[in-house]
């Protein structure tokens, strides 16, 4: 592996992160943050910009090419570098410990949405301070949301769109970062594909922000758009979206969460004049069907149980038809797309609802979306392959004919899906066992925190439920879950290959 070229590209990514942090400075100024906060944000931006430019100049090479190994190395270490430098504003502005700042930033970039920001935080000097989300300055809240927005479509995909020299070997970077069993490429040129995807992403982000404006300030609308379109879940309220108590806001966010969990290539085709293109896609039809089934079944479970629906800020509502539909739809779409926004405390919902939501955590959104999880297409292929194997128990010589969207899926893709499923479940077990060794974890919390991190969901059950945070965890558990977030966002293989000895050999 050419380490010099890897450092060179990562340096460019670090500069992009620094420029993104710099965009928080005018926001802080216009929103009335103190001069001290503005200065700290500016310093947080110039640090990665300076380091990135310096490292880029010293690692510049006349011969520039990227192999598959360089692609994996750049994406894996580039995301880690983004989380490290992106954590600087949290350390300088909010006095978070380095591990809390790293956790919060990794959660942001990977669009997990798990947060350590609670009403009581442990500071770096060992003291405690009442410092929840509502106590953060505007500039830092903006940057916190921007980590979602940047990570949603992908830091490397963004860089491919705006940095010309990354077009050389860009295919390796694109394949290593874009989620799903296959990477949909819209044009022969990777840079053009990246620009198209980001254009659709920006267009939908603007549309959601405008639709939220009648019921929100511009600042809140943009921050919640970042969390929605990236399927991340960071809110400007400690009680998340439920704290607004506004049905219009809930339904707008439900719509755009659902769109963000769909394949952006389908959105592009629809915008090009093919509005029914989504329904021709088999994965999208299953995605829609699962969402409708989960929503309606949980709604009826809430109606049958008849207990009050408890909003995330503690307000109790009658479990009538409209409230049951609204809150079940929101939580189903939020969990299915791995967004993690919350409007109700689903920890106290019926056991049936609890089990359905846990199942949705594993499934996730569509391939080519900003959602996490295993992806609907993988589950669909696993179901079809399992059905084929059942038939083969009667007809041993039956020809393999697994199809997706009427096209035959080759054996290599099936093998990758089976391998991914196995690795995902093994890693889930490993992370559950690893964090259960730390104090404060019961079975429900350890199991749900692991899938909530590996699936990039955010809220889980138990002590990491809808109304809880990860602030109470041991630093070691937070770092382990940070690794789980990275593995989940980069689809496991991209990160795991760097641990192979052969990866480092010439």
Protein backbone atom coordinates (compact mmCIF):
# COMPACT_ATOMS: atom_id res chain seq x y z
CA UNK A 1 0.00 0.00 0.00
CA UNK A 2 1.29 3.46 -0.90
CA UNK A 3 1.02 5.16 2.51
CA UNK A 4 2.18 8.50 1.13
CA UNK A 5 -0.76 8.68 -1.29
CA UNK A 6 -3.16 7.63 1.48
CA UNK A 7 -1.91 10.44 3.74
CA UNK A 8 -2.15 12.88 0.84
CA UNK A 9 -5.84 12.18 0.21
CA UNK A 10 -6.73 12.06 3.90
CA UNK A 11 -5.07 15.46 4.28
CA UNK A 12 -7.44 16.85 1.67
CA UNK A 13 -10.40 15.33 3.55
CA UNK A 14 -9.20 16.99 6.78
CA UNK A 15 -9.16 20.37 5.01
CA UNK A 16 -12.77 19.78 3.90
CA UNK A 17 -13.72 19.06 7.54
CA UNK A 18 -11.96 22.25 8.65
CA UNK A 19 -13.81 24.34 6.08
CA UNK A 20 -17.09 22.79 7.23
CA UNK A 21 -16.31 23.74 10.85
CA UNK A 22 -15.49 27.26 9.64
CA UNK A 23 -19.06 27.58 8.32
CA UNK A 24 -20.22 27.50 11.97
CA UNK A 25 -18.49 30.82 12.68
CA UNK A 26 -20.95 33.11 10.79
CA UNK A 27 -23.84 31.06 12.20
CA UNK A 28 -22.54 31.68 15.73
CA UNK A 29 -22.12 35.39 14.96
CA UNK A 30 -25.61 35.93 13.55
CA UNK A 31 -27.28 33.80 16.26
CA UNK A 32 -25.68 35.92 19.00
CA UNK A 33 -23.08 33.57 20.48
CA UNK A 34 -20.37 35.19 22.57
CA UNK A 35 -17.04 36.34 21.10
CA UNK A 36 -15.35 33.61 23.12
CA UNK A 37 -17.47 30.94 21.41
CA UNK A 38 -16.86 32.43 17.96
CA UNK A 39 -13.12 32.54 18.60
CA UNK A 40 -13.10 28.91 19.79
CA UNK A 41 -14.99 27.79 16.67
CA UNK A 42 -12.59 29.70 14.39
CA UNK A 43 -9.62 28.11 16.15
CA UNK A 44 -11.30 24.69 15.82
CA UNK A 45 -11.57 25.26 12.07
CA UNK A 46 -8.08 26.61 11.41
CA UNK A 47 -6.45 23.72 13.26
CA UNK A 48 -7.55 20.97 10.79
CA UNK A 49 -7.14 23.33 7.83
CA UNK A 50 -3.54 24.06 8.81
CA UNK A 51 -2.70 20.44 9.62
CA UNK A 52 -4.39 19.22 6.43
CA UNK A 53 -2.64 21.67 4.11
CA UNK A 54 0.74 21.00 5.72
CA UNK A 55 0.37 17.22 5.51
CA UNK A 56 -0.91 17.50 1.94
CA UNK A 57 2.11 19.50 0.80
CA UNK A 58 4.60 17.16 2.47
CA UNK A 59 2.93 14.03 1.09
CA UNK A 60 2.39 15.29 -2.44
CA UNK A 61 3.66 12.85 -5.07
CA UNK A 62 4.34 13.07 -8.80
CA UNK A 63 2.89 9.60 -9.41
CA UNK A 64 -0.67 9.39 -8.15
CA UNK A 65 -2.79 6.25 -8.34
CA UNK A 66 -5.08 4.37 -5.99
CA UNK A 67 -5.51 0.61 -5.75
CA UNK A 68 -8.26 -1.20 -3.85
CA UNK A 69 -6.09 -1.27 -0.73
CA UNK A 70 -5.46 2.47 -0.86
CA UNK A 71 -9.20 3.01 -1.31
CA UNK A 72 -10.04 1.02 1.82
CA UNK A 73 -7.27 2.73 3.79
CA UNK A 74 -8.32 6.24 2.75
CA UNK A 75 -11.99 5.70 3.58
CA UNK A 76 -11.38 3.99 6.94
CA UNK A 77 -8.66 6.30 8.23
CA UNK A 78 -10.25 9.31 6.57
CA UNK A 79 -13.44 8.82 8.59
CA UNK A 80 -11.43 8.37 11.78
CA UNK A 81 -9.50 11.56 11.01
CA UNK A 82 -12.77 13.40 10.36
CA UNK A 83 -14.10 12.30 13.76
CA UNK A 84 -10.86 13.30 15.50
CA UNK A 85 -10.66 16.78 14.00
CA UNK A 86 -14.43 17.22 14.09
CA UNK A 87 -14.31 16.65 17.86
CA UNK A 88 -12.13 19.72 18.43
CA UNK A 89 -15.08 22.19 18.62
CA UNK A 90 -16.73 20.07 21.32
CA UNK A 91 -13.53 20.09 23.37
CA UNK A 92 -12.80 23.81 23.00
CA UNK A 93 -16.37 25.10 23.21
CA UNK A 94 -18.19 22.74 25.57
CA UNK A 95 -15.29 21.33 27.63
CA UNK A 96 -16.23 17.74 26.85
CA UNK A 97 -13.65 15.08 27.60
CA UNK A 98 -11.78 13.90 24.53
CA UNK A 99 -13.54 10.53 24.51
CA UNK A 100 -17.00 12.11 24.85
CA UNK A 101 -16.18 14.59 22.08
CA UNK A 102 -14.91 11.77 19.84
CA UNK A 103 -18.02 9.67 20.56
CA UNK A 104 -20.37 12.57 19.78
CA UNK A 105 -18.55 13.39 16.54
CA UNK A 106 -18.26 9.78 15.37
CA UNK A 107 -21.96 9.39 16.13
CA UNK A 108 -22.61 12.50 14.05
CA UNK A 109 -20.53 11.60 11.01
CA UNK A 110 -21.76 7.99 10.94
CA UNK A 111 -25.35 9.34 11.31
CA UNK A 112 -25.90 7.18 14.38
CA UNK A 113 -27.40 9.92 16.55
CA UNK A 114 -26.33 8.43 19.89
CA UNK A 115 -25.45 11.32 22.19
CA UNK A 116 -23.53 11.87 25.42
CA UNK A 117 -25.11 15.29 25.92
CA UNK A 118 -27.25 15.03 29.01
CA UNK A 119 -28.53 17.38 31.68
CA UNK A 120 -25.51 16.42 33.79
CA UNK A 121 -22.11 15.97 32.17
CA UNK A 122 -18.70 15.01 33.49
CA UNK A 123 -16.15 17.68 32.57
CA UNK A 124 -12.49 17.14 31.79
CA UNK A 125 -11.49 18.49 35.22
CA UNK A 126 -13.60 15.86 36.98
CA UNK A 127 -16.45 18.19 37.95
CA UNK A 128 -20.06 17.84 36.89
CA UNK A 129 -22.09 20.48 35.14
CA UNK A 130 -25.74 20.76 34.12
CA UNK A 131 -25.16 21.01 30.39
CA UNK A 132 -27.78 19.49 28.11
CA UNK A 133 -28.43 20.06 24.44
CA UNK A 134 -30.42 23.24 25.14
CA UNK A 135 -27.34 24.71 26.87
CA UNK A 136 -25.08 24.39 23.82
CA UNK A 137 -24.24 27.58 21.92
CA UNK A 138 -25.84 27.93 18.49
CA UNK A 139 -22.57 27.57 16.62
CA UNK A 140 -21.82 24.21 18.23
CA UNK A 141 -25.40 22.97 17.75
CA UNK A 142 -25.05 23.86 14.08
CA UNK A 143 -21.75 21.98 13.76
CA UNK A 144 -23.24 19.00 15.60
CA UNK A 145 -26.03 18.82 13.01
CA UNK A 146 -23.62 19.40 10.12
CA UNK A 147 -21.63 16.28 11.09
CA UNK A 148 -24.81 14.39 10.24
CA UNK A 149 -25.39 16.17 6.97
CA UNK A 150 -21.81 15.67 5.78
CA UNK A 151 -21.69 12.04 6.85
CA UNK A 152 -25.09 11.18 5.41
CA UNK A 153 -24.11 11.17 1.76
CA UNK A 154 -20.48 10.53 2.68
CA UNK A 155 -17.41 12.64 3.35
CA UNK A 156 -15.44 10.90 0.61
CA UNK A 157 -18.31 11.14 -1.90
CA UNK A 158 -18.46 14.88 -1.15
CA UNK A 159 -14.73 15.15 -1.68
CA UNK A 160 -14.98 13.25 -4.96
CA UNK A 161 -17.47 15.87 -6.12
CA UNK A 162 -15.40 18.93 -5.17
CA UNK A 163 -11.73 17.84 -5.32
CA UNK A 164 -10.70 17.16 -8.95
CA UNK A 165 -7.60 15.03 -8.33
CA UNK A 166 -9.63 12.41 -6.41
CA UNK A 167 -11.15 11.36 -9.72
CA UNK A 168 -7.98 9.32 -10.24
CA UNK A 169 -8.74 6.05 -8.47
CA UNK A 170 -12.08 7.45 -7.35
CA UNK A 171 -13.86 4.18 -8.14
CA UNK A 172 -12.06 2.52 -5.21
CA UNK A 173 -13.12 5.31 -2.85
CA UNK A 174 -16.71 5.31 -4.10
CA UNK A 175 -17.15 1.55 -3.71
CA UNK A 176 -15.57 1.59 -0.25
CA UNK A 177 -17.97 4.21 1.11
CA UNK A 178 -21.35 3.94 -0.66
CA UNK A 179 -23.64 1.57 1.29
CA UNK A 180 -25.48 -1.42 -0.10
CA UNK A 181 -24.69 -4.84 -1.61
CA UNK A 182 -23.93 -3.09 -4.93
CA UNK A 183 -22.84 0.46 -5.72
CA UNK A 184 -25.20 2.16 -8.17
CA UNK A 185 -23.20 4.41 -10.45
CA UNK A 186 -25.20 6.94 -12.46
CA UNK A 187 -22.52 7.93 -14.96
CA UNK A 188 -19.23 6.45 -16.19
CA UNK A 189 -17.34 9.21 -14.36
CA UNK A 190 -17.31 8.79 -10.57
CA UNK A 191 -17.00 12.54 -9.94
CA UNK A 192 -20.15 13.18 -11.99
CA UNK A 193 -22.05 10.47 -10.10
CA UNK A 194 -20.98 12.02 -6.80
CA UNK A 195 -22.15 15.47 -7.95
CA UNK A 196 -25.55 14.11 -9.01
CA UNK A 197 -26.10 12.32 -5.69
CA UNK A 198 -25.12 15.43 -3.73
CA UNK A 199 -27.38 17.60 -5.93
CA UNK A 200 -30.39 15.38 -5.12
CA UNK A 201 -29.39 15.38 -1.45
CA UNK A 202 -29.16 19.20 -1.37
CA UNK A 203 -32.44 19.63 -3.26
CA UNK A 204 -34.35 17.41 -0.80
CA UNK A 205 -32.66 19.17 2.13
CA UNK A 206 -33.80 22.58 0.87
CA UNK A 207 -37.33 21.27 0.30
CA UNK A 208 -37.61 19.91 3.84
CA UNK A 209 -36.19 23.08 5.40
CA UNK A 210 -38.75 25.21 3.54
CA UNK A 211 -41.62 22.93 4.57
CA UNK A 212 -40.56 23.05 8.23
CA UNK A 213 -40.26 26.85 8.32
CA UNK A 214 -43.97 27.55 9.07
CA UNK A 215 -43.59 25.72 12.40
CA UNK A 216 -39.89 26.21 13.20
CA UNK A 217 -37.20 28.84 13.14
CA UNK A 218 -34.78 28.66 10.21
CA UNK A 219 -32.05 27.43 12.58
CA UNK A 220 -34.19 24.59 14.00
CA UNK A 221 -35.53 23.72 10.55
CA UNK A 222 -32.03 23.33 9.09
CA UNK A 223 -30.68 21.37 12.06
CA UNK A 224 -33.59 18.93 11.92
CA UNK A 225 -33.24 18.68 8.15
CA UNK A 226 -29.62 17.63 8.67
CA UNK A 227 -30.74 14.92 11.07
CA UNK A 228 -33.56 13.80 8.78
CA UNK A 229 -31.85 13.67 5.38
CA UNK A 230 -28.76 12.02 6.85
CA UNK A 231 -31.00 9.64 8.87
CA UNK A 232 -28.99 10.76 11.89
CA UNK A 233 -31.32 11.98 14.63
CA UNK A 234 -29.53 14.85 16.38
CA UNK A 235 -32.11 17.40 17.53
CA UNK A 236 -31.87 20.88 19.04
CA UNK A 237 -34.07 19.69 21.92
CA UNK A 238 -33.19 17.23 24.68
CA UNK A 239 -36.62 15.65 24.15
CA UNK A 240 -36.01 15.32 20.38
CA UNK A 241 -38.81 16.03 17.90
CA UNK A 242 -41.46 15.10 20.45
CA UNK A 243 -40.66 18.29 22.34
CA UNK A 244 -42.30 20.40 19.61
CA UNK A 245 -45.75 18.80 20.11
CA UNK A 246 -46.62 19.57 16.49
CA UNK A 247 -48.34 17.04 14.22
CA UNK A 248 -47.35 18.98 11.07
CA UNK A 249 -43.65 18.78 11.99
CA UNK A 250 -43.99 15.07 12.73
CA UNK A 251 -45.54 14.24 9.35
CA UNK A 252 -43.07 16.36 7.35
CA UNK A 253 -40.15 14.63 9.08
CA UNK A 254 -41.78 11.21 8.58
CA UNK A 255 -42.01 11.90 4.83
CA UNK A 256 -38.39 12.99 4.46
CA UNK A 257 -37.05 10.26 6.75
CA UNK A 258 -38.77 7.77 4.47
CA UNK A 259 -37.28 9.40 1.38
CA UNK A 260 -33.82 9.46 2.97
CA UNK A 261 -34.13 5.74 3.68
CA UNK A 262 -34.80 5.07 -0.02
CA UNK A 263 -32.22 4.70 -2.78
CA UNK A 264 -31.11 8.16 -3.98
CA UNK A 265 -30.63 6.81 -7.49
CA UNK A 266 -34.41 6.21 -7.57
CA UNK A 267 -35.01 9.78 -6.39
CA UNK A 268 -32.81 11.05 -9.21
CA UNK A 269 -34.74 9.01 -11.79
CA UNK A 270 -38.03 10.32 -10.38
CA UNK A 271 -36.80 13.92 -10.56
CA UNK A 272 -35.80 13.29 -14.18
CA UNK A 273 -39.47 12.78 -15.07
CA UNK A 274 -40.16 9.20 -13.98
CA UNK A 275 -42.28 9.67 -10.82
CA UNK A 276 -43.38 6.01 -10.72
CA UNK A 277 -39.82 4.70 -11.06
CA UNK A 278 -39.71 3.90 -7.32
CA UNK A 279 -42.48 1.33 -7.58
CA UNK A 280 -40.66 -0.55 -10.33
CA UNK A 281 -37.86 -1.24 -7.86
CA UNK A 282 -38.37 -4.46 -5.90
CA UNK A 283 -36.33 -3.33 -2.90
CA UNK A 284 -38.36 -0.11 -2.57
CA UNK A 285 -41.65 -2.03 -2.71
CA UNK A 286 -40.50 -4.26 0.14
CA UNK A 287 -39.26 -1.22 2.04
CA UNK A 288 -42.67 0.43 1.66
CA UNK A 289 -44.51 -2.78 2.54
CA UNK A 290 -42.50 -3.43 5.71
CA UNK A 291 -43.03 0.17 6.82
CA UNK A 292 -46.81 0.02 6.28
CA UNK A 293 -47.13 -3.37 8.01
CA UNK A 294 -45.06 -2.32 11.03
CA UNK A 295 -46.90 1.00 11.38
CA UNK A 296 -50.41 -0.44 11.21
CA UNK A 297 -49.68 -3.42 13.47
CA UNK A 298 -48.05 -1.26 16.16
CA UNK A 299 -50.89 1.25 15.88
CA UNK A 300 -53.45 -1.48 16.61
CA UNK A 301 -51.26 -2.80 19.45
CA UNK A 302 -51.33 0.66 21.04
CA UNK A 303 -55.09 0.91 20.56
CA UNK A 304 -55.70 -2.54 22.07
CA UNK A 305 -53.50 -1.91 25.11
CA UNK A 306 -55.16 1.45 25.67
CA UNK A 307 -52.40 3.00 27.80
CA UNK A 308 -51.57 6.68 27.42
CA UNK A 309 -48.87 7.56 24.87
CA UNK A 310 -46.02 9.22 26.76
CA UNK A 311 -44.23 11.89 24.71
CA UNK A 312 -40.45 12.20 25.12
CA UNK A 313 -40.83 15.19 27.47
CA UNK A 314 -43.24 13.31 29.73
CA UNK A 315 -46.58 14.65 28.43
CA UNK A 316 -49.29 11.98 28.27
CA UNK A 317 -51.73 11.74 25.34
CA UNK A 318 -54.87 9.68 24.78
CA UNK A 319 -54.21 6.54 22.68
CA UNK A 320 -56.90 7.35 20.11
CA UNK A 321 -56.69 6.39 16.43
CA UNK A 322 -54.91 9.55 15.20
CA UNK A 323 -52.37 9.70 18.04
CA UNK A 324 -51.64 5.97 17.71
CA UNK A 325 -51.15 6.32 13.94
CA UNK A 326 -49.00 9.44 14.24
CA UNK A 327 -46.65 8.14 16.94
CA UNK A 328 -46.39 4.58 15.60
CA UNK A 329 -45.65 5.88 12.07
CA UNK A 330 -42.98 8.25 13.36
CA UNK A 331 -41.15 5.62 15.43
CA UNK A 332 -41.40 2.92 12.75
CA UNK A 333 -39.98 5.17 10.01
CA UNK A 334 -37.38 6.61 12.39
CA UNK A 335 -36.13 3.15 13.42
CA UNK A 336 -36.51 1.55 9.97
CA UNK A 337 -34.45 4.29 8.34
CA UNK A 338 -32.06 4.30 11.35
CA UNK A 339 -32.69 8.02 11.88
CA UNK A 340 -33.27 7.81 15.61
CA UNK A 341 -35.53 10.83 16.12
CA UNK A 342 -38.04 10.19 18.90
CA UNK A 343 -41.49 11.54 19.68
CA UNK A 344 -42.62 8.98 22.28
CA UNK A 345 -41.11 6.71 24.93
CA UNK A 346 -41.44 3.38 23.10
CA UNK A 347 -39.77 1.58 26.03
CA UNK A 348 -43.20 1.35 27.67
CA UNK A 349 -45.12 0.31 24.56
CA UNK A 350 -46.62 -3.21 24.25
CA UNK A 351 -44.19 -6.12 23.92
CA UNK A 352 -45.30 -6.67 20.31
CA UNK A 353 -44.32 -3.11 19.36
CA UNK A 354 -41.06 -3.54 21.20
CA UNK A 355 -40.18 -6.71 19.21
CA UNK A 356 -41.15 -5.18 15.85
CA UNK A 357 -38.97 -2.11 16.45
CA UNK A 358 -36.01 -4.34 17.42
CA UNK A 359 -36.46 -6.30 14.16
CA UNK A 360 -36.52 -3.05 12.16
CA UNK A 361 -33.18 -2.05 13.76
CA UNK A 362 -31.54 -5.00 12.02
CA UNK A 363 -33.20 -4.45 8.63
CA UNK A 364 -32.49 -0.74 8.07
CA UNK A 365 -33.10 1.26 4.90
CA UNK A 366 -32.45 0.62 1.21
CA UNK A 367 -29.11 0.24 -0.51
CA UNK A 368 -27.89 3.59 -1.84
CA UNK A 369 -29.70 5.49 0.92
CA UNK A 370 -28.30 7.42 3.87
CA UNK A 371 -29.80 4.79 6.21
CA UNK A 372 -27.87 2.17 8.15
CA UNK A 373 -28.65 -1.42 9.13
CA UNK A 374 -28.18 -4.47 6.94
CA UNK A 375 -30.36 -3.01 4.14
CA UNK A 376 -33.65 -4.29 2.76
CA UNK A 377 -32.03 -5.66 -0.42
CA UNK A 378 -29.78 -7.98 1.59
CA UNK A 379 -32.71 -9.36 3.57
CA UNK A 380 -34.67 -9.82 0.36
CA UNK A 381 -31.81 -11.76 -1.24
CA UNK A 382 -31.40 -13.87 1.91
CA UNK A 383 -35.11 -14.76 1.83
CA UNK A 384 -34.96 -15.71 -1.85
CA UNK A 385 -31.77 -17.71 -1.42
CA UNK A 386 -33.22 -19.55 1.59
CA UNK A 387 -36.35 -20.41 -0.43
CA UNK A 388 -34.11 -21.75 -3.20
CA UNK A 389 -32.24 -23.97 -0.74
CA UNK A 390 -35.55 -25.35 0.56
CA UNK A 391 -36.50 -26.31 -3.00
CA UNK A 392 -33.07 -27.89 -3.48
CA UNK A 393 -33.75 -30.24 -0.59
CA UNK A 394 -36.33 -31.84 -2.93
CA UNK A 395 -34.61 -31.10 -6.26
CA UNK A 396 -30.83 -31.22 -5.53
CA UNK A 397 -29.82 -30.20 -9.06
CA UNK A 398 -32.14 -27.20 -9.26
CA UNK A 399 -30.52 -24.29 -11.14
CA UNK A 400 -29.77 -21.19 -9.04
CA UNK A 401 -32.09 -18.45 -10.22
CA UNK A 402 -32.21 -15.77 -7.51
CA UNK A 403 -33.43 -12.54 -9.09
CA UNK A 404 -33.69 -8.93 -8.00
CA UNK A 405 -35.64 -6.53 -10.20
CA UNK A 406 -35.99 -9.36 -12.76
CA UNK A 407 -32.21 -9.58 -13.14
CA UNK A 408 -30.38 -12.72 -12.09
CA UNK A 409 -28.10 -12.18 -9.11
CA UNK A 410 -24.71 -13.83 -9.61
CA UNK A 411 -23.22 -16.23 -7.08
CA UNK A 412 -20.52 -13.77 -6.02
CA UNK A 413 -23.12 -11.23 -4.85
CA UNK A 414 -25.04 -13.93 -2.96
CA UNK A 415 -21.83 -15.04 -1.25
CA UNK A 416 -21.08 -11.44 -0.25
CA UNK A 417 -24.57 -11.05 1.23
CA UNK A 418 -24.21 -14.29 3.21
CA UNK A 419 -20.77 -13.23 4.42
CA UNK A 420 -22.02 -9.77 5.38
CA UNK A 421 -24.92 -11.24 7.34
CA UNK A 422 -22.60 -13.61 9.20
CA UNK A 423 -20.05 -10.88 10.00
CA UNK A 424 -22.79 -8.45 11.08
CA UNK A 425 -24.27 -10.97 13.54
CA UNK A 426 -20.86 -12.04 14.88
CA UNK A 427 -19.80 -8.43 15.39
CA UNK A 428 -23.12 -7.70 17.08
CA UNK A 429 -22.45 -10.56 19.53
CA UNK A 430 -18.85 -9.43 20.11
CA UNK A 431 -19.84 -5.82 20.82
CA UNK A 432 -22.67 -6.93 23.12
CA UNK A 433 -20.30 -9.13 25.12
CA UNK A 434 -17.55 -6.47 25.16
CA UNK A 435 -19.63 -3.63 26.58
CA UNK A 436 -21.42 -5.93 29.04
CA UNK A 437 -18.07 -6.20 30.87
CA UNK A 438 -18.37 -2.55 31.92
CA UNK A 439 -20.42 -1.45 34.96
CA UNK A 440 -24.02 -0.32 34.56
CA UNK A 441 -25.06 -2.62 31.70
CA UNK A 442 -27.94 -5.06 31.89
CA UNK A 443 -28.77 -7.49 29.08
CA UNK A 444 -31.35 -5.27 27.37
CA UNK A 445 -29.10 -2.21 27.43
CA UNK A 446 -25.98 -4.04 26.19
CA UNK A 447 -27.87 -5.83 23.41
CA UNK A 448 -29.74 -2.74 22.21
CA UNK A 449 -26.80 -0.33 22.51
CA UNK A 450 -24.76 -2.67 20.30
CA UNK A 451 -27.34 -2.92 17.51
CA UNK A 452 -28.17 0.79 17.86
CA UNK A 453 -24.48 1.59 17.24
CA UNK A 454 -23.67 -1.09 14.65
CA UNK A 455 -26.89 -0.29 12.78
CA UNK A 456 -26.31 3.50 13.12
CA UNK A 457 -29.68 3.95 14.81
CA UNK A 458 -28.92 5.85 18.04
CA UNK A 459 -31.67 5.18 20.58
CA UNK A 460 -32.20 1.65 21.80
CA UNK A 461 -33.99 0.22 24.81
CA UNK A 462 -33.26 0.03 28.51
CA UNK A 463 -30.76 2.65 29.67
CA UNK A 464 -30.26 3.90 26.09
CA UNK A 465 -33.97 4.25 25.32
CA UNK A 466 -35.86 7.06 23.65
CA UNK A 467 -35.53 9.44 26.61
CA UNK A 468 -31.97 8.43 27.59
CA UNK A 469 -28.40 9.19 26.48
CA UNK A 470 -25.06 7.40 26.47
CA UNK A 471 -23.48 9.88 28.90
CA UNK A 472 -23.43 7.44 31.84
CA UNK A 473 -21.26 4.85 30.09
CA UNK A 474 -17.65 4.03 30.92
CA UNK A 475 -15.16 5.67 28.49
CA UNK A 476 -14.07 2.23 27.28
CA UNK A 477 -17.64 1.31 26.33
CA UNK A 478 -18.01 4.59 24.43
CA UNK A 479 -14.86 3.91 22.40
CA UNK A 480 -15.99 0.35 21.63
CA UNK A 481 -19.37 1.62 20.44
CA UNK A 482 -17.61 4.31 18.37
CA UNK A 483 -15.85 1.50 16.51
CA UNK A 484 -19.22 -0.23 16.05
CA UNK A 485 -20.62 2.96 14.51
CA UNK A 486 -17.74 3.17 12.04
CA UNK A 487 -18.07 -0.51 11.08
CA UNK A 488 -21.80 -0.09 10.53
CA UNK A 489 -21.52 3.08 8.44
CA UNK A 490 -18.76 1.69 6.20
CA UNK A 491 -20.47 -1.69 5.80
CA UNK A 492 -17.97 -3.78 7.81
CA UNK A 493 -15.62 -4.93 5.00
CA UNK A 494 -14.02 -1.52 4.47
CA UNK A 495 -12.91 -1.35 8.10
CA UNK A 496 -12.14 -5.03 8.76
CA UNK A 497 -9.74 -5.40 5.83
CA UNK A 498 -7.28 -2.98 7.45
CA UNK A 499 -6.83 -5.52 10.26
CA UNK A 500 -5.59 -8.17 7.83
CA UNK A 501 -1.78 -8.59 7.82
CA UNK A 502 -1.84 -8.94 4.02
CA UNK A 503 -3.36 -5.47 3.78
CA UNK A 504 -0.08 -3.90 4.92
CA UNK A 505 2.23 -6.04 2.80
CA UNK A 506 3.67 -4.71 -0.43
